[in-house]
Amino acid sequence: MDSTIDGTLEEGGQMRAKVMYDYVAQGPDEISLFANELLLVEESPDSEFFIAIKGNTRGRAPKSCILLL
């Protein structure tokens, strides 16, 4: 299994993460987050956002709200 300094990579380059703060999506390409949720994230071309994956939903989420596990 590959690993990174910040978190463990799952298959497909996804990393496990925990939401630290609630976040309300600001647009149709973003995803709302709730504190203590567990989710998967992928790197994004935007340095301030991850691509978050919750179930069948994907969207941009700010890195400032997310702790990589």
N, C-alpha and C. Protein backbone atom coordinates (compact mmCIF):
# COMPACT_ATOMS: atom_id res chain seq x y z
N MET A 1 0.85 -1.18 0.00
CA MET A 1 0.00 0.00 0.00
C MET A 1 0.89 1.24 0.00
N ASP A 2 0.56 2.20 -0.85
CA ASP A 2 1.29 3.46 -0.88
C ASP A 2 0.90 4.31 0.32
N SER A 3 1.80 5.18 0.76
CA SER A 3 1.44 6.11 1.82
C SER A 3 2.02 7.47 1.51
N THR A 4 1.46 8.49 2.15
CA THR A 4 1.96 9.85 2.00
C THR A 4 2.32 10.37 3.37
N ILE A 5 2.96 11.51 3.43
CA ILE A 5 3.28 12.13 4.72
C ILE A 5 2.01 12.50 5.46
N ASP A 6 0.99 13.00 4.74
CA ASP A 6 -0.22 13.51 5.37
C ASP A 6 -1.28 12.44 5.64
N GLY A 7 -1.26 11.33 4.94
CA GLY A 7 -2.31 10.35 5.14
C GLY A 7 -2.02 9.09 4.36
N THR A 8 -2.86 8.10 4.55
CA THR A 8 -2.69 6.84 3.87
C THR A 8 -3.51 6.82 2.59
N LEU A 9 -2.88 6.45 1.49
CA LEU A 9 -3.58 6.37 0.22
C LEU A 9 -4.35 5.07 0.13
N GLU A 10 -5.61 5.16 -0.25
CA GLU A 10 -6.40 3.99 -0.57
C GLU A 10 -6.22 3.74 -2.06
N GLU A 11 -6.81 2.68 -2.58
CA GLU A 11 -6.72 2.42 -4.01
C GLU A 11 -7.32 3.59 -4.77
N GLY A 12 -6.74 3.94 -5.90
CA GLY A 12 -7.25 5.04 -6.71
C GLY A 12 -6.80 6.40 -6.23
N GLY A 13 -5.83 6.46 -5.29
CA GLY A 13 -5.33 7.75 -4.84
C GLY A 13 -6.22 8.45 -3.83
N GLN A 14 -7.20 7.75 -3.27
CA GLN A 14 -8.09 8.34 -2.28
C GLN A 14 -7.48 8.20 -0.89
N MET A 15 -7.72 9.21 -0.05
CA MET A 15 -7.21 9.21 1.32
C MET A 15 -8.38 9.27 2.30
N ARG A 16 -8.24 8.56 3.41
CA ARG A 16 -9.26 8.62 4.46
C ARG A 16 -9.12 9.94 5.20
N ALA A 17 -10.26 10.53 5.58
CA ALA A 17 -10.22 11.83 6.24
C ALA A 17 -11.39 11.97 7.21
N LYS A 18 -11.22 12.93 8.13
CA LYS A 18 -12.27 13.26 9.10
C LYS A 18 -12.57 14.75 8.97
N VAL A 19 -13.85 15.09 9.01
CA VAL A 19 -14.26 16.50 8.93
C VAL A 19 -14.12 17.12 10.32
N MET A 20 -13.42 18.25 10.40
CA MET A 20 -13.18 18.91 11.67
C MET A 20 -14.23 19.98 11.99
N TYR A 21 -14.79 20.60 10.96
CA TYR A 21 -15.75 21.70 11.13
C TYR A 21 -16.87 21.55 10.12
N ASP A 22 -18.08 21.97 10.49
CA ASP A 22 -19.18 22.02 9.53
C ASP A 22 -18.84 22.98 8.40
N TYR A 23 -19.29 22.65 7.21
CA TYR A 23 -19.08 23.51 6.04
C TYR A 23 -20.31 23.41 5.15
N VAL A 24 -20.87 24.55 4.77
CA VAL A 24 -22.03 24.59 3.87
C VAL A 24 -21.51 24.87 2.47
N ALA A 25 -21.87 24.01 1.53
CA ALA A 25 -21.44 24.17 0.14
C ALA A 25 -21.79 25.56 -0.37
N GLN A 26 -20.86 26.17 -1.10
CA GLN A 26 -21.03 27.52 -1.63
C GLN A 26 -21.39 27.52 -3.11
N GLY A 27 -21.51 26.36 -3.72
CA GLY A 27 -21.84 26.27 -5.13
C GLY A 27 -22.16 24.83 -5.50
N PRO A 28 -22.64 24.60 -6.73
CA PRO A 28 -23.07 23.26 -7.14
C PRO A 28 -21.93 22.25 -7.25
N ASP A 29 -20.68 22.72 -7.32
CA ASP A 29 -19.55 21.80 -7.42
C ASP A 29 -18.94 21.47 -6.06
N GLU A 30 -19.50 22.03 -4.99
CA GLU A 30 -19.00 21.78 -3.64
C GLU A 30 -19.93 20.82 -2.89
N ILE A 31 -19.43 20.29 -1.78
CA ILE A 31 -20.19 19.35 -0.96
C ILE A 31 -20.24 19.89 0.48
N SER A 32 -21.41 19.80 1.12
CA SER A 32 -21.53 20.22 2.52
C SER A 32 -20.93 19.14 3.42
N LEU A 33 -20.31 19.58 4.50
CA LEU A 33 -19.65 18.68 5.44
C LEU A 33 -20.16 18.93 6.85
N PHE A 34 -20.12 17.88 7.67
CA PHE A 34 -20.52 17.99 9.07
C PHE A 34 -19.40 17.46 9.95
N ALA A 35 -19.13 18.16 11.03
CA ALA A 35 -18.04 17.79 11.94
C ALA A 35 -18.14 16.32 12.32
N ASN A 36 -16.99 15.66 12.37
CA ASN A 36 -16.82 14.26 12.77
C ASN A 36 -17.21 13.24 11.71
N GLU A 37 -17.65 13.68 10.52
CA GLU A 37 -17.91 12.74 9.44
C GLU A 37 -16.60 12.13 8.97
N LEU A 38 -16.65 10.89 8.55
CA LEU A 38 -15.51 10.24 7.91
C LEU A 38 -15.82 10.14 6.43
N LEU A 39 -14.80 10.41 5.61
CA LEU A 39 -15.00 10.37 4.17
C LEU A 39 -13.69 10.08 3.47
N LEU A 40 -13.75 9.97 2.17
CA LEU A 40 -12.55 9.82 1.35
C LEU A 40 -12.32 11.12 0.61
N VAL A 41 -11.06 11.46 0.39
CA VAL A 41 -10.72 12.65 -0.38
C VAL A 41 -9.66 12.31 -1.41
N GLU A 42 -9.64 13.11 -2.46
CA GLU A 42 -8.62 13.03 -3.50
C GLU A 42 -8.01 14.41 -3.66
N GLU A 43 -6.77 14.47 -4.12
CA GLU A 43 -6.15 15.76 -4.40
C GLU A 43 -6.93 16.44 -5.52
N SER A 44 -6.91 17.76 -5.50
CA SER A 44 -7.60 18.58 -6.49
C SER A 44 -6.59 19.53 -7.11
N PRO A 45 -6.81 19.97 -8.35
CA PRO A 45 -5.91 20.97 -8.94
C PRO A 45 -5.92 22.28 -8.16
N ASP A 46 -6.99 22.54 -7.43
CA ASP A 46 -7.12 23.75 -6.61
C ASP A 46 -6.41 23.49 -5.28
N SER A 47 -5.41 24.28 -4.95
CA SER A 47 -4.59 24.03 -3.76
C SER A 47 -5.34 24.19 -2.44
N GLU A 48 -6.52 24.82 -2.45
CA GLU A 48 -7.26 25.03 -1.21
C GLU A 48 -8.40 24.03 -1.00
N PHE A 49 -8.61 23.13 -1.95
CA PHE A 49 -9.72 22.18 -1.88
C PHE A 49 -9.26 20.76 -2.15
N PHE A 50 -9.97 19.81 -1.52
CA PHE A 50 -9.91 18.40 -1.89
C PHE A 50 -11.15 18.09 -2.71
N ILE A 51 -11.15 16.96 -3.38
CA ILE A 51 -12.38 16.38 -3.91
C ILE A 51 -12.82 15.40 -2.83
N ALA A 52 -13.97 15.66 -2.21
CA ALA A 52 -14.48 14.81 -1.13
C ALA A 52 -15.48 13.81 -1.70
N ILE A 53 -15.49 12.60 -1.12
CA ILE A 53 -16.39 11.54 -1.57
C ILE A 53 -17.14 11.02 -0.35
N LYS A 54 -18.46 11.20 -0.36
CA LYS A 54 -19.34 10.70 0.70
C LYS A 54 -20.38 9.82 0.03
N GLY A 55 -20.27 8.51 0.21
CA GLY A 55 -21.20 7.61 -0.47
C GLY A 55 -21.08 7.76 -1.98
N ASN A 56 -22.19 8.11 -2.63
CA ASN A 56 -22.20 8.30 -4.08
C ASN A 56 -22.04 9.76 -4.46
N THR A 57 -21.76 10.64 -3.50
CA THR A 57 -21.66 12.08 -3.75
C THR A 57 -20.20 12.51 -3.76
N ARG A 58 -19.85 13.32 -4.76
CA ARG A 58 -18.49 13.87 -4.87
C ARG A 58 -18.61 15.38 -5.03
N GLY A 59 -17.67 16.11 -4.43
CA GLY A 59 -17.65 17.55 -4.61
C GLY A 59 -16.42 18.16 -3.96
N ARG A 60 -16.18 19.42 -4.30
CA ARG A 60 -15.04 20.13 -3.72
C ARG A 60 -15.34 20.44 -2.26
N ALA A 61 -14.29 20.34 -1.42
CA ALA A 61 -14.41 20.64 0.00
C ALA A 61 -13.11 21.31 0.45
N PRO A 62 -13.20 22.36 1.28
CA PRO A 62 -11.99 23.08 1.69
C PRO A 62 -11.07 22.23 2.56
N LYS A 63 -9.78 22.28 2.25
CA LYS A 63 -8.79 21.53 3.03
C LYS A 63 -8.76 21.97 4.48
N SER A 64 -9.12 23.23 4.76
CA SER A 64 -9.07 23.75 6.13
C SER A 64 -10.05 23.05 7.06
N CYS A 65 -11.05 22.36 6.53
CA CYS A 65 -12.05 21.66 7.34
C CYS A 65 -11.74 20.18 7.53
N ILE A 66 -10.68 19.70 6.88
CA ILE A 66 -10.46 18.26 6.78
C ILE A 66 -9.11 17.86 7.39
N LEU A 67 -9.15 16.78 8.17
CA LEU A 67 -7.95 16.19 8.75
C LEU A 67 -7.72 14.84 8.08
N LEU A 68 -6.56 14.67 7.44
CA LEU A 68 -6.24 13.38 6.84
C LEU A 68 -5.87 12.39 7.94
N LEU A 69 -6.35 11.17 7.79
CA LEU A 69 -6.09 10.12 8.79
C LEU A 69 -4.95 9.22 8.36
